[in-house]
PDB file of N, CA and C in Angstrom:
ATOM      1  N   MET A   1      29.426 -13.051 -33.792  1.00  0.00           N
ATOM      2  CA  MET A   1      28.375 -12.225 -33.231  1.00  0.00           C
ATOM      3  C   MET A   1      28.976 -11.442 -32.059  1.00  0.00           C
ATOM      4  N   PRO A   2      28.854 -10.120 -32.067  1.00  0.00           N
ATOM      5  CA  PRO A   2      29.369  -9.332 -30.945  1.00  0.00           C
ATOM      6  C   PRO A   2      28.694  -9.728 -29.629  1.00  0.00           C
ATOM      7  N   THR A   3      29.515 -10.015 -28.631  1.00  0.00           N
ATOM      8  CA  THR A   3      29.033 -10.384 -27.301  1.00  0.00           C
ATOM      9  C   THR A   3      29.896  -9.683 -26.274  1.00  0.00           C
ATOM     10  N   SER A   4      29.254  -9.180 -25.229  1.00  0.00           N
ATOM     11  CA  SER A   4      30.016  -8.594 -24.137  1.00  0.00           C
ATOM     12  C   SER A   4      29.319  -8.898 -22.822  1.00  0.00           C
ATOM     13  N   THR A   5      30.083  -8.844 -21.758  1.00  0.00           N
ATOM     14  CA  THR A   5      29.538  -9.027 -20.426  1.00  0.00           C
ATOM     15  C   THR A   5      29.379  -7.655 -19.798  1.00  0.00           C
ATOM     16  N   VAL A   6      28.163  -7.377 -19.334  1.00  0.00           N
ATOM     17  CA  VAL A   6      27.819  -6.062 -18.794  1.00  0.00           C
ATOM     18  C   VAL A   6      27.288  -6.244 -17.382  1.00  0.00           C
ATOM     19  N   VAL A   7      27.635  -5.317 -16.491  1.00  0.00           N
ATOM     20  CA  VAL A   7      27.126  -5.347 -15.123  1.00  0.00           C
ATOM     21  C   VAL A   7      25.807  -4.590 -15.081  1.00  0.00           C
ATOM     22  N   VAL A   8      24.775  -5.228 -14.513  1.00  0.00           N
ATOM     23  CA  VAL A   8      23.441  -4.624 -14.418  1.00  0.00           C
ATOM     24  C   VAL A   8      23.505  -3.393 -13.514  1.00  0.00           C
ATOM     25  N   GLY A   9      23.037  -2.265 -14.039  1.00  0.00           N
ATOM     26  CA  GLY A   9      23.109  -1.007 -13.304  1.00  0.00           C
ATOM     27  C   GLY A   9      21.838  -0.612 -12.579  1.00  0.00           C
ATOM     28  N   SER A  10      20.705  -1.183 -12.942  1.00  0.00           N
ATOM     29  CA  SER A  10      19.436  -0.790 -12.324  1.00  0.00           C
ATOM     30  C   SER A  10      19.359  -1.268 -10.882  1.00  0.00           C
ATOM     31  N   ALA A  11      18.882  -0.389 -10.000  1.00  0.00           N
ATOM     32  CA  ALA A  11      18.791  -0.694  -8.572  1.00  0.00           C
ATOM     33  C   ALA A  11      17.926  -1.915  -8.298  1.00  0.00           C
ATOM     34  N   VAL A  12      16.923  -2.164  -9.132  1.00  0.00           N
ATOM     35  CA  VAL A  12      16.030  -3.314  -8.937  1.00  0.00           C
ATOM     36  C   VAL A  12      16.424  -4.485  -9.829  1.00  0.00           C
ATOM     37  N   GLY A  13      17.573  -4.398 -10.487  1.00  0.00           N
ATOM     38  CA  GLY A  13      17.979  -5.429 -11.423  1.00  0.00           C
ATOM     39  C   GLY A  13      17.149  -5.344 -12.690  1.00  0.00           C
ATOM     40  N   LEU A  14      17.094  -6.438 -13.423  1.00  0.00           N
ATOM     41  CA  LEU A  14      16.322  -6.445 -14.672  1.00  0.00           C
ATOM     42  C   LEU A  14      14.902  -6.904 -14.379  1.00  0.00           C
ATOM     43  N   HIS A  15      14.212  -6.086 -13.577  1.00  0.00           N
ATOM     44  CA  HIS A  15      12.833  -6.377 -13.220  1.00  0.00           C
ATOM     45  C   HIS A  15      11.913  -5.603 -14.160  1.00  0.00           C
ATOM     46  N   ALA A  16      10.674  -5.403 -13.818  1.00  0.00           N
ATOM     47  CA  ALA A  16       9.623  -4.936 -14.730  1.00  0.00           C
ATOM     48  C   ALA A  16       9.977  -3.686 -15.539  1.00  0.00           C
ATOM     49  N   ARG A  17      10.247  -2.580 -14.890  1.00  0.00           N
ATOM     50  CA  ARG A  17      10.479  -1.339 -15.637  1.00  0.00           C
ATOM     51  C   ARG A  17      11.736  -1.422 -16.502  1.00  0.00           C
ATOM     52  N   PRO A  18      12.904  -1.779 -15.938  1.00  0.00           N
ATOM     53  CA  PRO A  18      14.092  -1.886 -16.790  1.00  0.00           C
ATOM     54  C   PRO A  18      13.914  -2.901 -17.927  1.00  0.00           C
ATOM     55  N   ALA A  19      13.289  -4.034 -17.637  1.00  0.00           N
ATOM     56  CA  ALA A  19      13.076  -5.051 -18.674  1.00  0.00           C
ATOM     57  C   ALA A  19      12.192  -4.509 -19.786  1.00  0.00           C
ATOM     58  N   ALA A  20      11.161  -3.752 -19.429  1.00  0.00           N
ATOM     59  CA  ALA A  20      10.265  -3.169 -20.434  1.00  0.00           C
ATOM     60  C   ALA A  20      10.993  -2.142 -21.295  1.00  0.00           C
ATOM     61  N   ILE A  21      11.850  -1.349 -20.681  1.00  0.00           N
ATOM     62  CA  ILE A  21      12.616  -0.340 -21.436  1.00  0.00           C
ATOM     63  C   ILE A  21      13.564  -1.020 -22.417  1.00  0.00           C
ATOM     64  N   ILE A  22      14.246  -2.057 -21.953  1.00  0.00           N
ATOM     65  CA  ILE A  22      15.186  -2.780 -22.820  1.00  0.00           C
ATOM     66  C   ILE A  22      14.435  -3.472 -23.952  1.00  0.00           C
ATOM     67  N   ALA A  23      13.345  -4.154 -23.644  1.00  0.00           N
ATOM     68  CA  ALA A  23      12.565  -4.852 -24.681  1.00  0.00           C
ATOM     69  C   ALA A  23      12.031  -3.870 -25.719  1.00  0.00           C
ATOM     70  N   SER A  24      11.559  -2.725 -25.261  1.00  0.00           N
ATOM     71  CA  SER A  24      11.055  -1.709 -26.187  1.00  0.00           C
ATOM     72  C   SER A  24      12.169  -1.216 -27.109  1.00  0.00           C
ATOM     73  N   ALA A  25      13.354  -0.998 -26.556  1.00  0.00           N
ATOM     74  CA  ALA A  25      14.487  -0.544 -27.366  1.00  0.00           C
ATOM     75  C   ALA A  25      14.876  -1.592 -28.405  1.00  0.00           C
ATOM     76  N   VAL A  26      14.880  -2.860 -28.013  1.00  0.00           N
ATOM     77  CA  VAL A  26      15.203  -3.934 -28.958  1.00  0.00           C
ATOM     78  C   VAL A  26      14.170  -3.955 -30.088  1.00  0.00           C
ATOM     79  N   ASN A  27      12.904  -3.852 -29.732  1.00  0.00           N
ATOM     80  CA  ASN A  27      11.855  -3.836 -30.758  1.00  0.00           C
ATOM     81  C   ASN A  27      12.000  -2.634 -31.678  1.00  0.00           C
ATOM     82  N   ASP A  28      12.351  -1.468 -31.128  1.00  0.00           N
ATOM     83  CA  ASP A  28      12.544  -0.273 -31.949  1.00  0.00           C
ATOM     84  C   ASP A  28      13.726  -0.440 -32.905  1.00  0.00           C
ATOM     85  N   LEU A  29      14.778  -1.134 -32.447  1.00  0.00           N
ATOM     86  CA  LEU A  29      15.954  -1.354 -33.292  1.00  0.00           C
ATOM     87  C   LEU A  29      15.676  -2.347 -34.417  1.00  0.00           C
ATOM     88  N   GLY A  30      14.752  -3.261 -34.182  1.00  0.00           N
ATOM     89  CA  GLY A  30      14.422  -4.253 -35.197  1.00  0.00           C
ATOM     90  C   GLY A  30      15.530  -5.259 -35.453  1.00  0.00           C
ATOM     91  N   GLU A  31      16.383  -5.473 -34.474  1.00  0.00           N
ATOM     92  CA  GLU A  31      17.499  -6.415 -34.594  1.00  0.00           C
ATOM     93  C   GLU A  31      17.360  -7.514 -33.541  1.00  0.00           C
ATOM     94  N   GLU A  32      17.983  -8.651 -33.788  1.00  0.00           N
ATOM     95  CA  GLU A  32      17.997  -9.732 -32.811  1.00  0.00           C
ATOM     96  C   GLU A  32      19.019  -9.405 -31.728  1.00  0.00           C
ATOM     97  N   VAL A  33      18.585  -9.458 -30.478  1.00  0.00           N
ATOM     98  CA  VAL A  33      19.476  -9.264 -29.333  1.00  0.00           C
ATOM     99  C   VAL A  33      19.098 -10.306 -28.293  1.00  0.00           C
ATOM    100  N   THR A  34      20.103 -10.927 -27.690  1.00  0.00           N
ATOM    101  CA  THR A  34      19.834 -11.876 -26.610  1.00  0.00           C
ATOM    102  C   THR A  34      20.581 -11.447 -25.363  1.00  0.00           C
ATOM    103  N   LEU A  35      20.029 -11.843 -24.223  1.00  0.00           N
ATOM    104  CA  LEU A  35      20.659 -11.626 -22.924  1.00  0.00           C
ATOM    105  C   LEU A  35      20.784 -12.977 -22.240  1.00  0.00           C
ATOM    106  N   ALA A  36      21.845 -13.153 -21.475  1.00  0.00           N
ATOM    107  CA  ALA A  36      22.032 -14.409 -20.744  1.00  0.00           C
ATOM    108  C   ALA A  36      22.860 -14.152 -19.492  1.00  0.00           C
ATOM    109  N   MET A  37      22.569 -14.930 -18.466  1.00  0.00           N
ATOM    110  CA  MET A  37      23.463 -14.966 -17.314  1.00  0.00           C
ATOM    111  C   MET A  37      24.661 -15.804 -17.764  1.00  0.00           C
ATOM    112  N   PRO A  38      25.872 -15.509 -17.291  1.00  0.00           N
ATOM    113  CA  PRO A  38      27.040 -16.293 -17.713  1.00  0.00           C
ATOM    114  C   PRO A  38      26.814 -17.794 -17.494  1.00  0.00           C
ATOM    115  N   GLY A  39      26.996 -18.556 -18.562  1.00  0.00           N
ATOM    116  CA  GLY A  39      26.802 -19.996 -18.510  1.00  0.00           C
ATOM    117  C   GLY A  39      25.362 -20.437 -18.669  1.00  0.00           C
ATOM    118  N   GLY A  40      24.437 -19.474 -18.755  1.00  0.00           N
ATOM    119  CA  GLY A  40      23.019 -19.802 -18.878  1.00  0.00           C
ATOM    120  C   GLY A  40      22.539 -19.722 -20.309  1.00  0.00           C
ATOM    121  N   ASP A  41      21.292 -20.110 -20.511  1.00  0.00           N
ATOM    122  CA  ASP A  41      20.690 -20.049 -21.838  1.00  0.00           C
ATOM    123  C   ASP A  41      20.289 -18.610 -22.164  1.00  0.00           C
ATOM    124  N   PRO A  42      20.531 -18.175 -23.398  1.00  0.00           N
ATOM    125  CA  PRO A  42      20.138 -16.822 -23.790  1.00  0.00           C
ATOM    126  C   PRO A  42      18.622 -16.707 -23.954  1.00  0.00           C
ATOM    127  N   VAL A  43      18.120 -15.497 -23.695  1.00  0.00           N
ATOM    128  CA  VAL A  43      16.700 -15.204 -23.898  1.00  0.00           C
ATOM    129  C   VAL A  43      16.577 -14.060 -24.897  1.00  0.00           C
ATOM    130  N   ASP A  44      15.460 -14.022 -25.581  1.00  0.00           N
ATOM    131  CA  ASP A  44      15.159 -12.975 -26.549  1.00  0.00           C
ATOM    132  C   ASP A  44      14.922 -11.673 -25.805  1.00  0.00           C
ATOM    133  N   ALA A  45      15.773 -10.676 -26.054  1.00  0.00           N
ATOM    134  CA  ALA A  45      15.684  -9.406 -25.339  1.00  0.00           C
ATOM    135  C   ALA A  45      14.546  -8.518 -25.824  1.00  0.00           C
ATOM    136  N   SER A  46      13.778  -8.970 -26.803  1.00  0.00           N
ATOM    137  CA  SER A  46      12.616  -8.184 -27.227  1.00  0.00           C
ATOM    138  C   SER A  46      11.399  -8.502 -26.362  1.00  0.00           C
ATOM    139  N   SER A  47      11.558  -9.401 -25.388  1.00  0.00           N
ATOM    140  CA  SER A  47      10.473  -9.784 -24.495  1.00  0.00           C
ATOM    141  C   SER A  47      10.821  -9.419 -23.052  1.00  0.00           C
ATOM    142  N   ALA A  48      10.074  -8.472 -22.475  1.00  0.00           N
ATOM    143  CA  ALA A  48      10.310  -8.084 -21.083  1.00  0.00           C
ATOM    144  C   ALA A  48      10.133  -9.279 -20.150  1.00  0.00           C
ATOM    145  N   LEU A  49       9.162 -10.115 -20.429  1.00  0.00           N
ATOM    146  CA  LEU A  49       8.921 -11.280 -19.578  1.00  0.00           C
ATOM    147  C   LEU A  49      10.122 -12.221 -19.587  1.00  0.00           C
ATOM    148  N   LEU A  50      10.683 -12.473 -20.755  1.00  0.00           N
ATOM    149  CA  LEU A  50      11.859 -13.351 -20.836  1.00  0.00           C
ATOM    150  C   LEU A  50      13.070 -12.725 -20.151  1.00  0.00           C
ATOM    151  N   ILE A  51      13.220 -11.416 -20.275  1.00  0.00           N
ATOM    152  CA  ILE A  51      14.324 -10.739 -19.586  1.00  0.00           C
ATOM    153  C   ILE A  51      14.189 -10.928 -18.075  1.00  0.00           C
ATOM    154  N   MET A  52      12.973 -10.798 -17.560  1.00  0.00           N
ATOM    155  CA  MET A  52      12.761 -10.945 -16.119  1.00  0.00           C
ATOM    156  C   MET A  52      13.054 -12.357 -15.632  1.00  0.00           C
ATOM    157  N   THR A  53      12.902 -13.359 -16.526  1.00  0.00           N
ATOM    158  CA  THR A  53      13.174 -14.743 -16.110  1.00  0.00           C
ATOM    159  C   THR A  53      14.657 -14.974 -15.803  1.00  0.00           C
ATOM    160  N   LEU A  54      15.522 -14.066 -16.247  1.00  0.00           N
ATOM    161  CA  LEU A  54      16.946 -14.202 -15.941  1.00  0.00           C
ATOM    162  C   LEU A  54      17.208 -14.051 -14.443  1.00  0.00           C
ATOM    163  N   GLY A  55      16.368 -13.252 -13.777  1.00  0.00           N
ATOM    164  CA  GLY A  55      16.564 -13.015 -12.349  1.00  0.00           C
ATOM    165  C   GLY A  55      17.813 -12.202 -12.055  1.00  0.00           C
ATOM    166  N   ALA A  56      18.223 -11.356 -12.996  1.00  0.00           N
ATOM    167  CA  ALA A  56      19.445 -10.575 -12.834  1.00  0.00           C
ATOM    168  C   ALA A  56      19.223  -9.421 -11.859  1.00  0.00           C
ATOM    169  N   ALA A  57      20.058  -9.348 -10.830  1.00  0.00           N
ATOM    170  CA  ALA A  57      19.990  -8.295  -9.828  1.00  0.00           C
ATOM    171  C   ALA A  57      21.060  -7.239 -10.111  1.00  0.00           C
ATOM    172  N   LYS A  58      20.948  -6.096  -9.433  1.00  0.00           N
ATOM    173  CA  LYS A  58      21.960  -5.048  -9.566  1.00  0.00           C
ATOM    174  C   LYS A  58      23.326  -5.646  -9.251  1.00  0.00           C
ATOM    175  N   GLY A  59      24.289  -5.365 -10.113  1.00  0.00           N
ATOM    176  CA  GLY A  59      25.651  -5.851  -9.918  1.00  0.00           C
ATOM    177  C   GLY A  59      25.934  -7.196 -10.551  1.00  0.00           C
ATOM    178  N   ASP A  60      24.888  -7.921 -10.983  1.00  0.00           N
ATOM    179  CA  ASP A  60      25.099  -9.193 -11.676  1.00  0.00           C
ATOM    180  C   ASP A  60      25.655  -8.936 -13.073  1.00  0.00           C
ATOM    181  N   SER A  61      26.376  -9.901 -13.590  1.00  0.00           N
ATOM    182  CA  SER A  61      26.881  -9.830 -14.957  1.00  0.00           C
ATOM    183  C   SER A  61      25.879 -10.480 -15.902  1.00  0.00           C
ATOM    184  N   VAL A  62      25.667  -9.843 -17.048  1.00  0.00           N
ATOM    185  CA  VAL A  62      24.764 -10.343 -18.078  1.00  0.00           C
ATOM    186  C   VAL A  62      25.496 -10.277 -19.411  1.00  0.00           C
ATOM    187  N   GLU A  63      25.387 -11.341 -20.198  1.00  0.00           N
ATOM    188  CA  GLU A  63      25.984 -11.362 -21.525  1.00  0.00           C
ATOM    189  C   GLU A  63      24.987 -10.817 -22.541  1.00  0.00           C
ATOM    190  N   VAL A  64      25.418  -9.816 -23.294  1.00  0.00           N
ATOM    191  CA  VAL A  64      24.592  -9.198 -24.338  1.00  0.00           C
ATOM    192  C   VAL A  64      25.170  -9.615 -25.679  1.00  0.00           C
ATOM    193  N   SER A  65      24.317 -10.163 -26.561  1.00  0.00           N
ATOM    194  CA  SER A  65      24.775 -10.610 -27.882  1.00  0.00           C
ATOM    195  C   SER A  65      23.815 -10.133 -28.959  1.00  0.00           C
ATOM    196  N   SER A  66      24.385  -9.797 -30.112  1.00  0.00           N
ATOM    197  CA  SER A  66      23.578  -9.416 -31.271  1.00  0.00           C
ATOM    198  C   SER A  66      24.455  -9.489 -32.514  1.00  0.00           C
ATOM    199  N   PRO A  67      23.881  -9.904 -33.644  1.00  0.00           N
ATOM    200  CA  PRO A  67      24.668  -9.872 -34.885  1.00  0.00           C
ATOM    201  C   PRO A  67      24.920  -8.439 -35.366  1.00  0.00           C
ATOM    202  N   SER A  68      24.172  -7.483 -34.828  1.00  0.00           N
ATOM    203  CA  SER A  68      24.316  -6.076 -35.199  1.00  0.00           C
ATOM    204  C   SER A  68      25.123  -5.344 -34.127  1.00  0.00           C
ATOM    205  N   GLU A  69      26.287  -4.823 -34.493  1.00  0.00           N
ATOM    206  CA  GLU A  69      27.128  -4.104 -33.531  1.00  0.00           C
ATOM    207  C   GLU A  69      26.413  -2.876 -32.948  1.00  0.00           C
ATOM    208  N   PRO A  70      25.709  -2.065 -33.762  1.00  0.00           N
ATOM    209  CA  PRO A  70      25.005  -0.925 -33.168  1.00  0.00           C
ATOM    210  C   PRO A  70      23.921  -1.348 -32.161  1.00  0.00           C
ATOM    211  N   ALA A  71      23.180  -2.405 -32.473  1.00  0.00           N
ATOM    212  CA  ALA A  71      22.160  -2.897 -31.542  1.00  0.00           C
ATOM    213  C   ALA A  71      22.819  -3.438 -30.283  1.00  0.00           C
ATOM    214  N   HIS A  72      23.902  -4.178 -30.454  1.00  0.00           N
ATOM    215  CA  HIS A  72      24.642  -4.719 -29.317  1.00  0.00           C
ATOM    216  C   HIS A  72      25.085  -3.585 -28.394  1.00  0.00           C
ATOM    217  N   ALA A  73      25.693  -2.557 -28.959  1.00  0.00           N
ATOM    218  CA  ALA A  73      26.202  -1.440 -28.160  1.00  0.00           C
ATOM    219  C   ALA A  73      25.070  -0.701 -27.446  1.00  0.00           C
ATOM    220  N   ALA A  74      23.964  -0.485 -28.142  1.00  0.00           N
ATOM    221  CA  ALA A  74      22.843   0.244 -27.556  1.00  0.00           C
ATOM    222  C   ALA A  74      22.233  -0.514 -26.382  1.00  0.00           C
ATOM    223  N   ILE A  75      22.032  -1.806 -26.534  1.00  0.00           N
ATOM    224  CA  ILE A  75      21.402  -2.590 -25.463  1.00  0.00           C
ATOM    225  C   ILE A  75      22.381  -2.813 -24.314  1.00  0.00           C
ATOM    226  N   ALA A  76      23.645  -3.027 -24.607  1.00  0.00           N
ATOM    227  CA  ALA A  76      24.644  -3.153 -23.542  1.00  0.00           C
ATOM    228  C   ALA A  76      24.672  -1.889 -22.688  1.00  0.00           C
ATOM    229  N   ALA A  77      24.577  -0.732 -23.332  1.00  0.00           N
ATOM    230  CA  ALA A  77      24.567   0.538 -22.594  1.00  0.00           C
ATOM    231  C   ALA A  77      23.329   0.646 -21.712  1.00  0.00           C
ATOM    232  N   LEU A  78      22.189   0.190 -22.208  1.00  0.00           N
ATOM    233  CA  LEU A  78      20.952   0.235 -21.396  1.00  0.00           C
ATOM    234  C   LEU A  78      21.055  -0.689 -20.180  1.00  0.00           C
ATOM    235  N   VAL A  79      21.583  -1.888 -20.374  1.00  0.00           N
ATOM    236  CA  VAL A  79      21.716  -2.833 -19.255  1.00  0.00           C
ATOM    237  C   VAL A  79      22.585  -2.227 -18.158  1.00  0.00           C
ATOM    238  N   ALA A  80      23.606  -1.466 -18.537  1.00  0.00           N
ATOM    239  CA  ALA A  80      24.532  -0.880 -17.567  1.00  0.00           C
ATOM    240  C   ALA A  80      23.955   0.323 -16.827  1.00  0.00           C
ATOM    241  N   GLN A  81      22.896   0.927 -17.362  1.00  0.00           N
ATOM    242  CA  GLN A  81      22.305   2.125 -16.744  1.00  0.00           C
ATOM    243  C   GLN A  81      21.320   1.754 -15.643  1.00  0.00           C
ATOM    244  N   ASP A  82      21.082   2.727 -14.743  1.00  0.00           N
ATOM    245  CA  ASP A  82      20.014   2.565 -13.749  1.00  0.00           C
ATOM    246  C   ASP A  82      18.736   3.062 -14.414  1.00  0.00           C
ATOM    247  N   LEU A  83      17.936   2.124 -14.930  1.00  0.00           N
ATOM    248  CA  LEU A  83      16.718   2.457 -15.670  1.00  0.00           C
ATOM    249  C   LEU A  83      15.496   2.589 -14.780  1.00  0.00           C
ATOM    250  N   ASP A  84      15.682   2.494 -13.486  1.00  0.00           N
ATOM    251  CA  ASP A  84      14.540   2.547 -12.581  1.00  0.00           C
ATOM    252  C   ASP A  84      14.513   3.855 -11.789  1.00  0.00           C
ATOM    253  N   VAL A  85      14.991   4.925 -12.403  1.00  0.00           N
ATOM    254  CA  VAL A  85      14.985   6.226 -11.734  1.00  0.00           C
ATOM    255  C   VAL A  85      13.871   7.095 -12.227  1.00  0.00           C
TER     256      VAL A  85
END
């Protein structure tokens, strides 16, 4: 399963707005994607609430995993962007 470590780019971390954007994108892709803090349990990235439970702040590393390489790449790119602008 493709997995990469991505640095959170949003100024507020993976809080409400960025989490909602990422969850919406995962749902639109229709693929399984998980996010995890390094060494932590993965959460379903199709749920904004579960993404927020990670407590990821700007500059934190987050592991993005998906069996689909295109979904993995798309969500990894979103995590790296500042989605709160």
